[in-house]
Amino acid sequence: MAIEHADVLRAAHLARLGIDNTDAERYVGDLSRILDMVDALSGIDTDGVKPLAHPLDATQPLRADEAIEPNRRDTYQESAPAVADGYYLVPRVVE
């Protein structure tokens, strides 16, 4: 697919990018190569190929989800002005 100078300037205008003519000429070549590569990829037959979430068939080793610190809720709530059933009681802010 061929991109022209006017296409680059129009895209830059729509994206509100300020580019000069020398940069636009370089972008014409760059974008044309990118679109040619996309066209080449579009022509590849992928029927029967399962989609992959990751190119390598590996799993991430994770550590066991275990509590490593003791529960100190009671200690922390000793200094609270009001506590009930393990919850901090605070003044109502919405009527």
PDB file of N, CA and C in Angstrom:
ATOM      1  N   MET A   1       0.853  -1.174   0.000  1.00  0.00           N
ATOM      2  CA  MET A   1       0.000   0.000   0.000  1.00  0.00           C
ATOM      3  C   MET A   1       0.894   1.230   0.000  1.00  0.00           C
ATOM      4  N   ALA A   2       0.591   2.136  -0.866  1.00  0.00           N
ATOM      5  CA  ALA A   2       1.416   3.337  -0.993  1.00  0.00           C
ATOM      6  C   ALA A   2       0.803   4.487  -0.205  1.00  0.00           C
ATOM      7  N   ILE A   3       1.656   5.170   0.499  1.00  0.00           N
ATOM      8  CA  ILE A   3       1.254   6.364   1.246  1.00  0.00           C
ATOM      9  C   ILE A   3       1.854   7.554   0.508  1.00  0.00           C
ATOM     10  N   GLU A   4       1.102   8.593   0.414  1.00  0.00           N
ATOM     11  CA  GLU A   4       1.593   9.793  -0.261  1.00  0.00           C
ATOM     12  C   GLU A   4       1.852  10.897   0.753  1.00  0.00           C
ATOM     13  N   HIS A   5       2.579  11.896   0.292  1.00  0.00           N
ATOM     14  CA  HIS A   5       2.949  13.029   1.136  1.00  0.00           C
ATOM     15  C   HIS A   5       1.696  13.691   1.729  1.00  0.00           C
ATOM     16  N   ALA A   6       0.661  13.849   0.923  1.00  0.00           N
ATOM     17  CA  ALA A   6      -0.576  14.487   1.389  1.00  0.00           C
ATOM     18  C   ALA A   6      -1.246  13.658   2.480  1.00  0.00           C
ATOM     19  N   ASP A   7      -1.138  12.318   2.393  1.00  0.00           N
ATOM     20  CA  ASP A   7      -1.726  11.455   3.422  1.00  0.00           C
ATOM     21  C   ASP A   7      -1.052  11.680   4.774  1.00  0.00           C
ATOM     22  N   VAL A   8       0.264  11.809   4.745  1.00  0.00           N
ATOM     23  CA  VAL A   8       1.010  12.033   5.990  1.00  0.00           C
ATOM     24  C   VAL A   8       0.652  13.392   6.582  1.00  0.00           C
ATOM     25  N   LEU A   9       0.584  14.404   5.736  1.00  0.00           N
ATOM     26  CA  LEU A   9       0.238  15.739   6.240  1.00  0.00           C
ATOM     27  C   LEU A   9      -1.184  15.769   6.793  1.00  0.00           C
ATOM     28  N   ARG A  10      -2.106  15.066   6.150  1.00  0.00           N
ATOM     29  CA  ARG A  10      -3.488  15.027   6.630  1.00  0.00           C
ATOM     30  C   ARG A  10      -3.566  14.287   7.970  1.00  0.00           C
ATOM     31  N   ALA A  11      -2.869  13.149   8.080  1.00  0.00           N
ATOM     32  CA  ALA A  11      -2.867  12.404   9.342  1.00  0.00           C
ATOM     33  C   ALA A  11      -2.255  13.238  10.464  1.00  0.00           C
ATOM     34  N   ALA A  12      -1.186  13.955  10.152  1.00  0.00           N
ATOM     35  CA  ALA A  12      -0.556  14.813  11.156  1.00  0.00           C
ATOM     36  C   ALA A  12      -1.507  15.928  11.582  1.00  0.00           C
ATOM     37  N   HIS A  13      -2.233  16.478  10.617  1.00  0.00           N
ATOM     38  CA  HIS A  13      -3.200  17.539  10.942  1.00  0.00           C
ATOM     39  C   HIS A  13      -4.316  16.993  11.834  1.00  0.00           C
ATOM     40  N   LEU A  14      -4.839  15.808  11.493  1.00  0.00           N
ATOM     41  CA  LEU A  14      -5.911  15.219  12.289  1.00  0.00           C
ATOM     42  C   LEU A  14      -5.440  14.881  13.701  1.00  0.00           C
ATOM     43  N   ALA A  15      -4.173  14.485  13.824  1.00  0.00           N
ATOM     44  CA  ALA A  15      -3.615  14.156  15.137  1.00  0.00           C
ATOM     45  C   ALA A  15      -3.084  15.392  15.853  1.00  0.00           C
ATOM     46  N   ARG A  16      -3.224  16.534  15.213  1.00  0.00           N
ATOM     47  CA  ARG A  16      -2.746  17.807  15.745  1.00  0.00           C
ATOM     48  C   ARG A  16      -1.251  17.766  16.038  1.00  0.00           C
ATOM     49  N   LEU A  17      -0.506  17.191  15.079  1.00  0.00           N
ATOM     50  CA  LEU A  17       0.948  17.144  15.172  1.00  0.00           C
ATOM     51  C   LEU A  17       1.530  18.158  14.207  1.00  0.00           C
ATOM     52  N   GLY A  18       2.510  18.881  14.652  1.00  0.00           N
ATOM     53  CA  GLY A  18       3.183  19.829  13.772  1.00  0.00           C
ATOM     54  C   GLY A  18       4.438  19.192  13.194  1.00  0.00           C
ATOM     55  N   ILE A  19       4.418  18.885  11.897  1.00  0.00           N
ATOM     56  CA  ILE A  19       5.604  18.319  11.251  1.00  0.00           C
ATOM     57  C   ILE A  19       5.931  19.166  10.031  1.00  0.00           C
ATOM     58  N   ASP A  20       7.221  19.228   9.689  1.00  0.00           N
ATOM     59  CA  ASP A  20       7.608  19.969   8.490  1.00  0.00           C
ATOM     60  C   ASP A  20       7.732  19.010   7.305  1.00  0.00           C
ATOM     61  N   ASN A  21       7.983  19.559   6.130  1.00  0.00           N
ATOM     62  CA  ASN A  21       7.995  18.763   4.905  1.00  0.00           C
ATOM     63  C   ASN A  21       9.110  17.725   4.876  1.00  0.00           C
ATOM     64  N   THR A  22      10.268  18.030   5.461  1.00  0.00           N
ATOM     65  CA  THR A  22      11.361  17.048   5.440  1.00  0.00           C
ATOM     66  C   THR A  22      11.013  15.834   6.301  1.00  0.00           C
ATOM     67  N   ASP A  23      10.396  16.084   7.450  1.00  0.00           N
ATOM     68  CA  ASP A  23       9.958  14.967   8.292  1.00  0.00           C
ATOM     69  C   ASP A  23       8.843  14.184   7.609  1.00  0.00           C
ATOM     70  N   ALA A  24       7.943  14.891   6.942  1.00  0.00           N
ATOM     71  CA  ALA A  24       6.832  14.224   6.262  1.00  0.00           C
ATOM     72  C   ALA A  24       7.347  13.275   5.187  1.00  0.00           C
ATOM     73  N   GLU A  25       8.374  13.659   4.459  1.00  0.00           N
ATOM     74  CA  GLU A  25       8.943  12.782   3.426  1.00  0.00           C
ATOM     75  C   GLU A  25       9.514  11.509   4.050  1.00  0.00           C
ATOM     76  N   ARG A  26      10.175  11.652   5.180  1.00  0.00           N
ATOM     77  CA  ARG A  26      10.722  10.477   5.863  1.00  0.00           C
ATOM     78  C   ARG A  26       9.597   9.575   6.355  1.00  0.00           C
ATOM     79  N   TYR A  27       8.528  10.176   6.870  1.00  0.00           N
ATOM     80  CA  TYR A  27       7.391   9.398   7.355  1.00  0.00           C
ATOM     81  C   TYR A  27       6.682   8.665   6.227  1.00  0.00           C
ATOM     82  N   VAL A  28       6.684   9.243   5.023  1.00  0.00           N
ATOM     83  CA  VAL A  28       6.080   8.568   3.870  1.00  0.00           C
ATOM     84  C   VAL A  28       6.770   7.227   3.651  1.00  0.00           C
ATOM     85  N   GLY A  29       8.087   7.230   3.659  1.00  0.00           N
ATOM     86  CA  GLY A  29       8.838   5.983   3.475  1.00  0.00           C
ATOM     87  C   GLY A  29       8.636   5.013   4.621  1.00  0.00           C
ATOM     88  N   ASP A  30       8.702   5.522   5.846  1.00  0.00           N
ATOM     89  CA  ASP A  30       8.551   4.657   7.019  1.00  0.00           C
ATOM     90  C   ASP A  30       7.168   4.009   7.058  1.00  0.00           C
ATOM     91  N   LEU A  31       6.140   4.815   6.848  1.00  0.00           N
ATOM     92  CA  LEU A  31       4.777   4.284   6.907  1.00  0.00           C
ATOM     93  C   LEU A  31       4.496   3.330   5.758  1.00  0.00           C
ATOM     94  N   SER A  32       5.063   3.595   4.600  1.00  0.00           N
ATOM     95  CA  SER A  32       4.878   2.687   3.459  1.00  0.00           C
ATOM     96  C   SER A  32       5.488   1.322   3.760  1.00  0.00           C
ATOM     97  N   ARG A  33       6.672   1.310   4.361  1.00  0.00           N
ATOM     98  CA  ARG A  33       7.310   0.032   4.721  1.00  0.00           C
ATOM     99  C   ARG A  33       6.498  -0.709   5.783  1.00  0.00           C
ATOM    100  N   ILE A  34       5.968   0.012   6.740  1.00  0.00           N
ATOM    101  CA  ILE A  34       5.150  -0.624   7.781  1.00  0.00           C
ATOM    102  C   ILE A  34       3.897  -1.236   7.176  1.00  0.00           C
ATOM    103  N   LEU A  35       3.218  -0.497   6.305  1.00  0.00           N
ATOM    104  CA  LEU A  35       2.000  -1.017   5.689  1.00  0.00           C
ATOM    105  C   LEU A  35       2.295  -2.178   4.749  1.00  0.00           C
ATOM    106  N   ASP A  36       3.448  -2.159   4.072  1.00  0.00           N
ATOM    107  CA  ASP A  36       3.838  -3.300   3.236  1.00  0.00           C
ATOM    108  C   ASP A  36       4.045  -4.545   4.093  1.00  0.00           C
ATOM    109  N   MET A  37       4.643  -4.368   5.271  1.00  0.00           N
ATOM    110  CA  MET A  37       4.852  -5.499   6.168  1.00  0.00           C
ATOM    111  C   MET A  37       3.510  -6.042   6.672  1.00  0.00           C
ATOM    112  N   VAL A  38       2.571  -5.159   6.988  1.00  0.00           N
ATOM    113  CA  VAL A  38       1.247  -5.594   7.431  1.00  0.00           C
ATOM    114  C   VAL A  38       0.541  -6.344   6.312  1.00  0.00           C
ATOM    115  N   ASP A  39       0.669  -5.866   5.072  1.00  0.00           N
ATOM    116  CA  ASP A  39       0.081  -6.579   3.934  1.00  0.00           C
ATOM    117  C   ASP A  39       0.684  -7.968   3.795  1.00  0.00           C
ATOM    118  N   ALA A  40       1.998  -8.079   3.990  1.00  0.00           N
ATOM    119  CA  ALA A  40       2.650  -9.391   3.898  1.00  0.00           C
ATOM    120  C   ALA A  40       2.142 -10.320   4.998  1.00  0.00           C
ATOM    121  N   LEU A  41       1.963  -9.798   6.194  1.00  0.00           N
ATOM    122  CA  LEU A  41       1.453 -10.614   7.295  1.00  0.00           C
ATOM    123  C   LEU A  41       0.004 -11.017   7.058  1.00  0.00           C
ATOM    124  N   SER A  42      -0.769 -10.151   6.432  1.00  0.00           N
ATOM    125  CA  SER A  42      -2.175 -10.460   6.153  1.00  0.00           C
ATOM    126  C   SER A  42      -2.309 -11.605   5.164  1.00  0.00           C
ATOM    127  N   GLY A  43      -1.310 -11.804   4.326  1.00  0.00           N
ATOM    128  CA  GLY A  43      -1.368 -12.859   3.325  1.00  0.00           C
ATOM    129  C   GLY A  43      -1.011 -14.234   3.853  1.00  0.00           C
ATOM    130  N   ILE A  44      -0.582 -14.338   5.085  1.00  0.00           N
ATOM    131  CA  ILE A  44      -0.173 -15.621   5.653  1.00  0.00           C
ATOM    132  C   ILE A  44      -1.410 -16.410   6.069  1.00  0.00           C
ATOM    133  N   ASP A  45      -1.442 -17.697   5.704  1.00  0.00           N
ATOM    134  CA  ASP A  45      -2.565 -18.566   6.058  1.00  0.00           C
ATOM    135  C   ASP A  45      -2.412 -19.008   7.512  1.00  0.00           C
ATOM    136  N   THR A  46      -3.333 -18.588   8.348  1.00  0.00           N
ATOM    137  CA  THR A  46      -3.274 -18.934   9.772  1.00  0.00           C
ATOM    138  C   THR A  46      -4.424 -19.840  10.184  1.00  0.00           C
ATOM    139  N   ASP A  47      -5.092 -20.459   9.218  1.00  0.00           N
ATOM    140  CA  ASP A  47      -6.177 -21.383   9.553  1.00  0.00           C
ATOM    141  C   ASP A  47      -5.615 -22.571  10.323  1.00  0.00           C
ATOM    142  N   GLY A  48      -6.253 -22.922  11.409  1.00  0.00           N
ATOM    143  CA  GLY A  48      -5.822 -24.059  12.209  1.00  0.00           C
ATOM    144  C   GLY A  48      -4.751 -23.727  13.235  1.00  0.00           C
ATOM    145  N   VAL A  49      -4.299 -22.492  13.282  1.00  0.00           N
ATOM    146  CA  VAL A  49      -3.289 -22.096  14.259  1.00  0.00           C
ATOM    147  C   VAL A  49      -4.009 -21.563  15.494  1.00  0.00           C
ATOM    148  N   LYS A  50      -3.710 -22.163  16.628  1.00  0.00           N
ATOM    149  CA  LYS A  50      -4.352 -21.730  17.872  1.00  0.00           C
ATOM    150  C   LYS A  50      -3.765 -20.391  18.322  1.00  0.00           C
ATOM    151  N   PRO A  51      -4.614 -19.477  18.780  1.00  0.00           N
ATOM    152  CA  PRO A  51      -4.106 -18.206  19.304  1.00  0.00           C
ATOM    153  C   PRO A  51      -3.291 -18.449  20.574  1.00  0.00           C
ATOM    154  N   LEU A  52      -2.242 -17.681  20.736  1.00  0.00           N
ATOM    155  CA  LEU A  52      -1.379 -17.804  21.910  1.00  0.00           C
ATOM    156  C   LEU A  52      -1.450 -16.533  22.744  1.00  0.00           C
ATOM    157  N   ALA A  53      -1.425 -16.702  24.041  1.00  0.00           N
ATOM    158  CA  ALA A  53      -1.318 -15.549  24.926  1.00  0.00           C
ATOM    159  C   ALA A  53       0.136 -15.130  25.052  1.00  0.00           C
ATOM    160  N   HIS A  54       1.040 -16.075  24.817  1.00  0.00           N
ATOM    161  CA  HIS A  54       2.473 -15.821  24.922  1.00  0.00           C
ATOM    162  C   HIS A  54       3.180 -16.760  23.960  1.00  0.00           C
ATOM    163  N   PRO A  55       4.227 -16.308  23.279  1.00  0.00           N
ATOM    164  CA  PRO A  55       4.875 -17.173  22.294  1.00  0.00           C
ATOM    165  C   PRO A  55       5.566 -18.400  22.888  1.00  0.00           C
ATOM    166  N   LEU A  56       5.912 -18.347  24.140  1.00  0.00           N
ATOM    167  CA  LEU A  56       6.552 -19.493  24.777  1.00  0.00           C
ATOM    168  C   LEU A  56       5.529 -20.235  25.624  1.00  0.00           C
ATOM    169  N   ASP A  57       5.565 -21.529  25.581  1.00  0.00           N
ATOM    170  CA  ASP A  57       4.622 -22.327  26.358  1.00  0.00           C
ATOM    171  C   ASP A  57       5.200 -22.565  27.746  1.00  0.00           C
ATOM    172  N   ALA A  58       5.288 -21.508  28.512  1.00  0.00           N
ATOM    173  CA  ALA A  58       5.867 -21.594  29.849  1.00  0.00           C
ATOM    174  C   ALA A  58       4.904 -20.971  30.852  1.00  0.00           C
ATOM    175  N   THR A  59       4.977 -21.433  32.060  1.00  0.00           N
ATOM    176  CA  THR A  59       4.166 -20.854  33.122  1.00  0.00           C
ATOM    177  C   THR A  59       5.073 -20.126  34.095  1.00  0.00           C
ATOM    178  N   GLN A  60       4.510 -19.173  34.763  1.00  0.00           N
ATOM    179  CA  GLN A  60       5.260 -18.391  35.729  1.00  0.00           C
ATOM    180  C   GLN A  60       5.237 -19.100  37.076  1.00  0.00           C
ATOM    181  N   PRO A  61       6.396 -19.461  37.615  1.00  0.00           N
ATOM    182  CA  PRO A  61       6.390 -20.101  38.935  1.00  0.00           C
ATOM    183  C   PRO A  61       6.040 -19.068  40.009  1.00  0.00           C
ATOM    184  N   LEU A  62       5.008 -19.358  40.747  1.00  0.00           N
ATOM    185  CA  LEU A  62       4.565 -18.441  41.789  1.00  0.00           C
ATOM    186  C   LEU A  62       4.734 -19.090  43.154  1.00  0.00           C
ATOM    187  N   ARG A  63       5.013 -18.276  44.120  1.00  0.00           N
ATOM    188  CA  ARG A  63       5.142 -18.807  45.472  1.00  0.00           C
ATOM    189  C   ARG A  63       3.750 -19.060  46.040  1.00  0.00           C
ATOM    190  N   ALA A  64       3.697 -19.875  47.042  1.00  0.00           N
ATOM    191  CA  ALA A  64       2.420 -20.174  47.684  1.00  0.00           C
ATOM    192  C   ALA A  64       1.881 -18.921  48.359  1.00  0.00           C
ATOM    193  N   ASP A  65       0.584 -18.743  48.324  1.00  0.00           N
ATOM    194  CA  ASP A  65      -0.050 -17.584  48.932  1.00  0.00           C
ATOM    195  C   ASP A  65      -0.283 -17.875  50.411  1.00  0.00           C
ATOM    196  N   GLU A  66       0.714 -17.549  51.217  1.00  0.00           N
ATOM    197  CA  GLU A  66       0.656 -17.822  52.647  1.00  0.00           C
ATOM    198  C   GLU A  66       0.883 -16.531  53.423  1.00  0.00           C
ATOM    199  N   ALA A  67       0.180 -16.398  54.534  1.00  0.00           N
ATOM    200  CA  ALA A  67       0.395 -15.242  55.402  1.00  0.00           C
ATOM    201  C   ALA A  67       1.767 -15.370  56.047  1.00  0.00           C
ATOM    202  N   ILE A  68       2.563 -14.312  55.925  1.00  0.00           N
ATOM    203  CA  ILE A  68       3.915 -14.387  56.492  1.00  0.00           C
ATOM    204  C   ILE A  68       4.061 -13.515  57.739  1.00  0.00           C
ATOM    205  N   GLU A  69       3.051 -12.706  58.015  1.00  0.00           N
ATOM    206  CA  GLU A  69       3.072 -11.899  59.228  1.00  0.00           C
ATOM    207  C   GLU A  69       1.884 -12.290  60.096  1.00  0.00           C
ATOM    208  N   PRO A  70       2.046 -12.242  61.396  1.00  0.00           N
ATOM    209  CA  PRO A  70       0.916 -12.590  62.269  1.00  0.00           C
ATOM    210  C   PRO A  70      -0.172 -11.517  62.191  1.00  0.00           C
ATOM    211  N   ASN A  71      -1.384 -11.919  62.506  1.00  0.00           N
ATOM    212  CA  ASN A  71      -2.509 -10.997  62.523  1.00  0.00           C
ATOM    213  C   ASN A  71      -2.427 -10.154  63.792  1.00  0.00           C
ATOM    214  N   ARG A  72      -2.205  -8.860  63.637  1.00  0.00           N
ATOM    215  CA  ARG A  72      -2.069  -7.961  64.786  1.00  0.00           C
ATOM    216  C   ARG A  72      -3.224  -6.961  64.872  1.00  0.00           C
ATOM    217  N   ARG A  73      -4.369  -7.361  64.365  1.00  0.00           N
ATOM    218  CA  ARG A  73      -5.509  -6.449  64.350  1.00  0.00           C
ATOM    219  C   ARG A  73      -5.867  -5.981  65.758  1.00  0.00           C
ATOM    220  N   ASP A  74      -5.905  -6.896  66.704  1.00  0.00           N
ATOM    221  CA  ASP A  74      -6.281  -6.513  68.071  1.00  0.00           C
ATOM    222  C   ASP A  74      -5.299  -5.502  68.652  1.00  0.00           C
ATOM    223  N   THR A  75      -4.020  -5.681  68.377  1.00  0.00           N
ATOM    224  CA  THR A  75      -3.008  -4.747  68.875  1.00  0.00           C
ATOM    225  C   THR A  75      -3.221  -3.364  68.269  1.00  0.00           C
ATOM    226  N   TYR A  76      -3.489  -3.322  66.975  1.00  0.00           N
ATOM    227  CA  TYR A  76      -3.693  -2.037  66.302  1.00  0.00           C
ATOM    228  C   TYR A  76      -4.979  -1.359  66.769  1.00  0.00           C
ATOM    229  N   GLN A  77      -5.998  -2.137  67.074  1.00  0.00           N
ATOM    230  CA  GLN A  77      -7.275  -1.544  67.445  1.00  0.00           C
ATOM    231  C   GLN A  77      -7.330  -1.099  68.904  1.00  0.00           C
ATOM    232  N   GLU A  78      -6.330  -1.458  69.690  1.00  0.00           N
ATOM    233  CA  GLU A  78      -6.308  -1.021  71.089  1.00  0.00           C
ATOM    234  C   GLU A  78      -6.249   0.494  71.198  1.00  0.00           C
ATOM    235  N   SER A  79      -5.604   1.154  70.250  1.00  0.00           N
ATOM    236  CA  SER A  79      -5.475   2.614  70.323  1.00  0.00           C
ATOM    237  C   SER A  79      -6.610   3.344  69.610  1.00  0.00           C
ATOM    238  N   ALA A  80      -7.526   2.623  68.997  1.00  0.00           N
ATOM    239  CA  ALA A  80      -8.641   3.259  68.286  1.00  0.00           C
ATOM    240  C   ALA A  80      -9.684   3.745  69.276  1.00  0.00           C
ATOM    241  N   PRO A  81     -10.322   4.889  69.007  1.00  0.00           N
ATOM    242  CA  PRO A  81     -11.328   5.396  69.936  1.00  0.00           C
ATOM    243  C   PRO A  81     -12.580   4.535  70.011  1.00  0.00           C
ATOM    244  N   ALA A  82     -12.967   3.886  68.908  1.00  0.00           N
ATOM    245  CA  ALA A  82     -14.182   3.064  68.928  1.00  0.00           C
ATOM    246  C   ALA A  82     -14.020   1.888  67.970  1.00  0.00           C
ATOM    247  N   VAL A  83     -14.300   0.677  68.502  1.00  0.00           N
ATOM    248  CA  VAL A  83     -14.158  -0.554  67.718  1.00  0.00           C
ATOM    249  C   VAL A  83     -15.328  -1.459  68.056  1.00  0.00           C
ATOM    250  N   ALA A  84     -15.837  -2.189  67.043  1.00  0.00           N
ATOM    251  CA  ALA A  84     -16.898  -3.167  67.290  1.00  0.00           C
ATOM    252  C   ALA A  84     -16.727  -4.320  66.318  1.00  0.00           C
ATOM    253  N   ASP A  85     -16.669  -5.532  66.841  1.00  0.00           N
ATOM    254  CA  ASP A  85     -16.552  -6.757  66.034  1.00  0.00           C
ATOM    255  C   ASP A  85     -15.368  -6.716  65.070  1.00  0.00           C
ATOM    256  N   GLY A  86     -14.273  -6.118  65.490  1.00  0.00           N
ATOM    257  CA  GLY A  86     -13.081  -6.078  64.653  1.00  0.00           C
ATOM    258  C   GLY A  86     -13.063  -4.955  63.634  1.00  0.00           C
ATOM    259  N   TYR A  87     -14.062  -4.069  63.654  1.00  0.00           N
ATOM    260  CA  TYR A  87     -14.133  -2.951  62.714  1.00  0.00           C
ATOM    261  C   TYR A  87     -13.914  -1.644  63.458  1.00  0.00           C
ATOM    262  N   TYR A  88     -13.297  -0.680  62.786  1.00  0.00           N
ATOM    263  CA  TYR A  88     -13.141   0.662  63.335  1.00  0.00           C
ATOM    264  C   TYR A  88     -14.461   1.403  63.166  1.00  0.00           C
ATOM    265  N   LEU A  89     -14.931   2.022  64.224  1.00  0.00           N
ATOM    266  CA  LEU A  89     -16.149   2.826  64.161  1.00  0.00           C
ATOM    267  C   LEU A  89     -15.749   4.283  63.983  1.00  0.00           C
ATOM    268  N   VAL A  90     -16.345   4.922  62.997  1.00  0.00           N
ATOM    269  CA  VAL A  90     -16.023   6.320  62.692  1.00  0.00           C
ATOM    270  C   VAL A  90     -17.315   7.120  62.659  1.00  0.00           C
ATOM    271  N   PRO A  91     -17.226   8.435  62.837  1.00  0.00           N
ATOM    272  CA  PRO A  91     -18.431   9.258  62.787  1.00  0.00           C
ATOM    273  C   PRO A  91     -19.066   9.210  61.393  1.00  0.00           C
ATOM    274  N   ARG A  92     -20.383   9.290  61.366  1.00  0.00           N
ATOM    275  CA  ARG A  92     -21.117   9.301  60.093  1.00  0.00           C
ATOM    276  C   ARG A  92     -20.796  10.613  59.375  1.00  0.00           C
ATOM    277  N   VAL A  93     -20.466  10.520  58.089  1.00  0.00           N
ATOM    278  CA  VAL A  93     -20.161  11.723  57.318  1.00  0.00           C
ATOM    279  C   VAL A  93     -21.236  12.010  56.282  1.00  0.00           C
ATOM    280  N   VAL A  94     -22.095  11.046  55.994  1.00  0.00           N
ATOM    281  CA  VAL A  94     -23.181  11.238  55.036  1.00  0.00           C
ATOM    282  C   VAL A  94     -24.479  10.935  55.757  1.00  0.00           C
ATOM    283  N   GLU A  95     -25.389  11.867  55.726  1.00  0.00           N
ATOM    284  CA  GLU A  95     -26.678  11.674  56.396  1.00  0.00           C
ATOM    285  C   GLU A  95     -27.646  10.979  55.481  1.00  0.00           C
TER     286      GLU A  95
END
